[in-house]
Amino acid sequence: MSEQASQRSVELFKSGYFCAESVLLAIAENQGIQSDLIPRIATGFCSGISRTCNMCGAVSGAIMGINLIAGRNSPFESNEYCYTLNQKMINLFEKQYGSINCFQLIGCDLATEEGQRFFIENHLMERCLQYAEDVTSMAISLITEKHH
């Protein structure tokens, strides 16, 4: 199940959606969730949060995907389960890749022409596709753990 979703995130990414959008869409589809807000709500999280060299968009998309399942609907609900799943996913990603920061993961600033050129010349999209695939799998595994 997580393999299908992770492949779907790569497919969406390759089709023209960006990192956070692809991961969120794949997780939402996997969980049977549809909304006019998806992937729109994820767009600003792509490219290291709108090309600011911050959190990896794939990780941001996975956080939003986990939130769809574990997030709160009222101020009286606990946030503990949601936070725990997100912490686990972030820790898994950091353990595998050493960071959740876009700049540290790809080594260039996507807000600059030089950074964009470096990204293309060094085929870094392949790396980003791998991040999206892996973090989608991590998120789906954590989400579905609860249901077994």
C-alpha atoms as a PDB file:
ATOM      1  CA  MET A   1       0.000   0.000   0.000  1.00  0.00           C
ATOM      2  CA  SER A   2       2.769   2.474   0.867  1.00  0.00           C
ATOM      3  CA  GLU A   3       4.725   1.365  -2.214  1.00  0.00           C
ATOM      4  CA  GLN A   4       1.771   2.220  -4.454  1.00  0.00           C
ATOM      5  CA  ALA A   5       1.427   5.671  -2.857  1.00  0.00           C
ATOM      6  CA  SER A   6       5.158   6.353  -3.056  1.00  0.00           C
ATOM      7  CA  GLN A   7       5.170   5.432  -6.754  1.00  0.00           C
ATOM      8  CA  ARG A   8       2.155   7.703  -7.227  1.00  0.00           C
ATOM      9  CA  SER A   9       4.018  10.634  -5.641  1.00  0.00           C
ATOM     10  CA  VAL A  10       6.870  10.132  -8.130  1.00  0.00           C
ATOM     11  CA  GLU A  11       4.388   9.912 -11.016  1.00  0.00           C
ATOM     12  CA  LEU A  12       2.662  13.131  -9.906  1.00  0.00           C
ATOM     13  CA  PHE A  13       6.037  14.872  -9.455  1.00  0.00           C
ATOM     14  CA  LYS A  14       7.140  13.840 -12.944  1.00  0.00           C
ATOM     15  CA  SER A  15       3.813  15.058 -14.372  1.00  0.00           C
ATOM     16  CA  GLY A  16       4.517  18.645 -13.315  1.00  0.00           C
ATOM     17  CA  TYR A  17       3.358  18.897  -9.719  1.00  0.00           C
ATOM     18  CA  PHE A  18       6.110  19.908  -7.309  1.00  0.00           C
ATOM     19  CA  CYS A  19       7.403  18.076  -4.233  1.00  0.00           C
ATOM     20  CA  ALA A  20       4.950  19.026  -1.469  1.00  0.00           C
ATOM     21  CA  GLU A  21       1.989  18.925  -3.869  1.00  0.00           C
ATOM     22  CA  SER A  22       2.923  15.445  -5.133  1.00  0.00           C
ATOM     23  CA  VAL A  23       3.437  13.929  -1.705  1.00  0.00           C
ATOM     24  CA  LEU A  24       0.241  15.429  -0.269  1.00  0.00           C
ATOM     25  CA  LEU A  25      -1.808  14.351  -3.299  1.00  0.00           C
ATOM     26  CA  ALA A  26      -0.442  10.798  -3.181  1.00  0.00           C
ATOM     27  CA  ILE A  27      -1.163  10.442   0.549  1.00  0.00           C
ATOM     28  CA  ALA A  28      -4.640  11.954   0.192  1.00  0.00           C
ATOM     29  CA  GLU A  29      -5.473   9.637  -2.733  1.00  0.00           C
ATOM     30  CA  ASN A  30      -4.153   6.647  -0.796  1.00  0.00           C
ATOM     31  CA  GLN A  31      -6.444   7.526   2.114  1.00  0.00           C
ATOM     32  CA  GLY A  32      -9.470   8.221  -0.100  1.00  0.00           C
ATOM     33  CA  ILE A  33      -9.469  11.942   0.659  1.00  0.00           C
ATOM     34  CA  GLN A  34     -10.434  14.458  -2.001  1.00  0.00           C
ATOM     35  CA  SER A  35     -10.616  18.219  -1.630  1.00  0.00           C
ATOM     36  CA  ASP A  36     -10.472  21.230  -3.919  1.00  0.00           C
ATOM     37  CA  LEU A  37      -7.802  22.505  -1.526  1.00  0.00           C
ATOM     38  CA  ILE A  38      -5.434  19.661  -2.435  1.00  0.00           C
ATOM     39  CA  PRO A  39      -2.815  20.229  -3.853  1.00  0.00           C
ATOM     40  CA  ARG A  40      -3.312  24.028  -3.679  1.00  0.00           C
ATOM     41  CA  ILE A  41      -2.661  24.159   0.052  1.00  0.00           C
ATOM     42  CA  ALA A  42       0.776  22.590  -0.510  1.00  0.00           C
ATOM     43  CA  THR A  43       2.088  24.877  -3.276  1.00  0.00           C
ATOM     44  CA  GLY A  44       3.880  27.395  -1.053  1.00  0.00           C
ATOM     45  CA  PHE A  45       5.685  24.582   0.752  1.00  0.00           C
ATOM     46  CA  CYS A  46       7.390  23.409  -2.445  1.00  0.00           C
ATOM     47  CA  SER A  47      11.034  24.176  -3.250  1.00  0.00           C
ATOM     48  CA  GLY A  48      12.129  24.483   0.371  1.00  0.00           C
ATOM     49  CA  ILE A  49       9.117  26.640   1.351  1.00  0.00           C
ATOM     50  CA  SER A  50       8.793  28.913  -1.663  1.00  0.00           C
ATOM     51  CA  ARG A  51      12.523  28.911  -2.490  1.00  0.00           C
ATOM     52  CA  THR A  52      13.635  30.170   0.937  1.00  0.00           C
ATOM     53  CA  CYS A  53      16.088  27.282   1.563  1.00  0.00           C
ATOM     54  CA  ASN A  54      13.956  25.949   4.407  1.00  0.00           C
ATOM     55  CA  MET A  55      12.190  22.628   5.021  1.00  0.00           C
ATOM     56  CA  CYS A  56      12.154  20.105   2.177  1.00  0.00           C
ATOM     57  CA  GLY A  57       8.843  20.320   0.333  1.00  0.00           C
ATOM     58  CA  ALA A  58       8.448  16.551   0.242  1.00  0.00           C
ATOM     59  CA  VAL A  59       8.690  16.496   4.049  1.00  0.00           C
ATOM     60  CA  SER A  60       6.198  19.382   4.285  1.00  0.00           C
ATOM     61  CA  GLY A  61       3.816  17.465   2.015  1.00  0.00           C
ATOM     62  CA  ALA A  62       4.144  14.392   4.213  1.00  0.00           C
ATOM     63  CA  ILE A  63       3.387  16.456   7.324  1.00  0.00           C
ATOM     64  CA  MET A  64       0.231  17.772   5.647  1.00  0.00           C
ATOM     65  CA  GLY A  65      -0.679  14.229   4.593  1.00  0.00           C
ATOM     66  CA  ILE A  66      -0.288  12.932   8.134  1.00  0.00           C
ATOM     67  CA  ASN A  67      -2.318  15.892   9.392  1.00  0.00           C
ATOM     68  CA  LEU A  68      -5.210  14.894   7.106  1.00  0.00           C
ATOM     69  CA  ILE A  69      -5.483  11.669   9.072  1.00  0.00           C
ATOM     70  CA  ALA A  70      -4.268  12.580  12.555  1.00  0.00           C
ATOM     71  CA  GLY A  71      -4.887  16.327  12.823  1.00  0.00           C
ATOM     72  CA  ARG A  72      -7.417  17.942  15.120  1.00  0.00           C
ATOM     73  CA  ASN A  73     -10.901  19.149  14.252  1.00  0.00           C
ATOM     74  CA  SER A  74     -11.484  21.049  17.475  1.00  0.00           C
ATOM     75  CA  PRO A  75      -9.415  22.800  20.136  1.00  0.00           C
ATOM     76  CA  PHE A  76     -10.591  20.184  22.622  1.00  0.00           C
ATOM     77  CA  GLU A  77      -8.943  17.265  20.830  1.00  0.00           C
ATOM     78  CA  SER A  78      -5.420  16.126  21.623  1.00  0.00           C
ATOM     79  CA  ASN A  79      -2.593  16.900  19.224  1.00  0.00           C
ATOM     80  CA  GLU A  80      -0.335  14.199  20.679  1.00  0.00           C
ATOM     81  CA  TYR A  81      -1.006  11.472  18.105  1.00  0.00           C
ATOM     82  CA  CYS A  82      -0.505  13.888  15.201  1.00  0.00           C
ATOM     83  CA  TYR A  83       2.709  15.266  16.665  1.00  0.00           C
ATOM     84  CA  THR A  84       4.011  11.774  17.415  1.00  0.00           C
ATOM     85  CA  LEU A  85       3.445  10.590  13.830  1.00  0.00           C
ATOM     86  CA  ASN A  86       5.099  13.712  12.408  1.00  0.00           C
ATOM     87  CA  GLN A  87       8.050  13.406  14.783  1.00  0.00           C
ATOM     88  CA  LYS A  88       8.535   9.761  13.811  1.00  0.00           C
ATOM     89  CA  MET A  89       8.388  10.583  10.101  1.00  0.00           C
ATOM     90  CA  ILE A  90      10.804  13.524  10.454  1.00  0.00           C
ATOM     91  CA  ASN A  91      13.205  11.387  12.507  1.00  0.00           C
ATOM     92  CA  LEU A  92      13.104   8.591   9.905  1.00  0.00           C
ATOM     93  CA  PHE A  93      13.796  11.057   7.091  1.00  0.00           C
ATOM     94  CA  GLU A  94      16.619  12.792   8.991  1.00  0.00           C
ATOM     95  CA  LYS A  95      18.160   9.444   9.880  1.00  0.00           C
ATOM     96  CA  GLN A  96      18.156   8.423   6.217  1.00  0.00           C
ATOM     97  CA  TYR A  97      19.218  11.734   4.634  1.00  0.00           C
ATOM     98  CA  GLY A  98      20.904  13.722   7.418  1.00  0.00           C
ATOM     99  CA  SER A  99      18.559  16.705   7.221  1.00  0.00           C
ATOM    100  CA  ILE A 100      15.030  17.880   6.422  1.00  0.00           C
ATOM    101  CA  ASN A 101      16.340  21.177   5.056  1.00  0.00           C
ATOM    102  CA  CYS A 102      16.049  21.688   1.280  1.00  0.00           C
ATOM    103  CA  PHE A 103      19.307  23.639   0.963  1.00  0.00           C
ATOM    104  CA  GLN A 104      21.257  21.012   2.905  1.00  0.00           C
ATOM    105  CA  LEU A 105      19.657  18.175   0.930  1.00  0.00           C
ATOM    106  CA  ILE A 106      20.312  19.566  -2.554  1.00  0.00           C
ATOM    107  CA  GLY A 107      23.162  22.015  -1.929  1.00  0.00           C
ATOM    108  CA  CYS A 108      21.797  24.955  -3.877  1.00  0.00           C
ATOM    109  CA  ASP A 109      19.546  27.989  -3.484  1.00  0.00           C
ATOM    110  CA  LEU A 110      16.554  27.608  -5.804  1.00  0.00           C
ATOM    111  CA  ALA A 111      15.794  31.341  -5.504  1.00  0.00           C
ATOM    112  CA  THR A 112      18.858  32.185  -7.610  1.00  0.00           C
ATOM    113  CA  GLU A 113      19.566  31.586 -11.285  1.00  0.00           C
ATOM    114  CA  GLU A 114      22.852  29.948 -10.297  1.00  0.00           C
ATOM    115  CA  GLY A 115      21.048  27.620  -7.916  1.00  0.00           C
ATOM    116  CA  GLN A 116      18.434  26.696 -10.490  1.00  0.00           C
ATOM    117  CA  ARG A 117      21.145  26.036 -13.075  1.00  0.00           C
ATOM    118  CA  PHE A 118      23.107  23.931 -10.543  1.00  0.00           C
ATOM    119  CA  PHE A 119      19.911  21.974  -9.800  1.00  0.00           C
ATOM    120  CA  ILE A 120      19.389  21.170 -13.487  1.00  0.00           C
ATOM    121  CA  GLU A 121      23.047  20.548 -14.396  1.00  0.00           C
ATOM    122  CA  ASN A 122      23.524  18.168 -11.480  1.00  0.00           C
ATOM    123  CA  HIS A 123      20.274  16.270 -12.113  1.00  0.00           C
ATOM    124  CA  LEU A 124      19.089  17.003  -8.584  1.00  0.00           C
ATOM    125  CA  MET A 125      15.487  16.332  -9.562  1.00  0.00           C
ATOM    126  CA  GLU A 126      16.400  12.643  -9.292  1.00  0.00           C
ATOM    127  CA  ARG A 127      17.316  13.214  -5.664  1.00  0.00           C
ATOM    128  CA  CYS A 128      14.072  15.107  -5.016  1.00  0.00           C
ATOM    129  CA  LEU A 129      12.037  12.319  -6.618  1.00  0.00           C
ATOM    130  CA  GLN A 130      13.728   9.889  -4.230  1.00  0.00           C
ATOM    131  CA  TYR A 131      12.931  12.120  -1.241  1.00  0.00           C
ATOM    132  CA  ALA A 132       9.277  12.315  -2.328  1.00  0.00           C
ATOM    133  CA  GLU A 133       9.057   8.567  -2.855  1.00  0.00           C
ATOM    134  CA  ASP A 134      10.656   7.703   0.476  1.00  0.00           C
ATOM    135  CA  VAL A 135       8.834  10.235   2.635  1.00  0.00           C
ATOM    136  CA  THR A 136       5.479   9.224   1.133  1.00  0.00           C
ATOM    137  CA  SER A 137       6.226   5.630   2.037  1.00  0.00           C
ATOM    138  CA  MET A 138       7.277   6.636   5.560  1.00  0.00           C
ATOM    139  CA  ALA A 139       4.099   8.671   6.104  1.00  0.00           C
ATOM    140  CA  ILE A 140       1.760   5.984   4.757  1.00  0.00           C
ATOM    141  CA  SER A 141       3.452   3.314   6.880  1.00  0.00           C
ATOM    142  CA  LEU A 142       3.013   5.426  10.006  1.00  0.00           C
ATOM    143  CA  ILE A 143      -0.606   6.304   9.176  1.00  0.00           C
ATOM    144  CA  THR A 144      -1.574   2.693   8.522  1.00  0.00           C
ATOM    145  CA  GLU A 145       0.305   1.290  11.553  1.00  0.00           C
ATOM    146  CA  LYS A 146      -2.521   2.555  13.759  1.00  0.00           C
ATOM    147  CA  HIS A 147      -5.163   0.691  11.795  1.00  0.00           C
ATOM    148  CA  HIS A 148      -3.564  -2.746  12.236  1.00  0.00           C
END
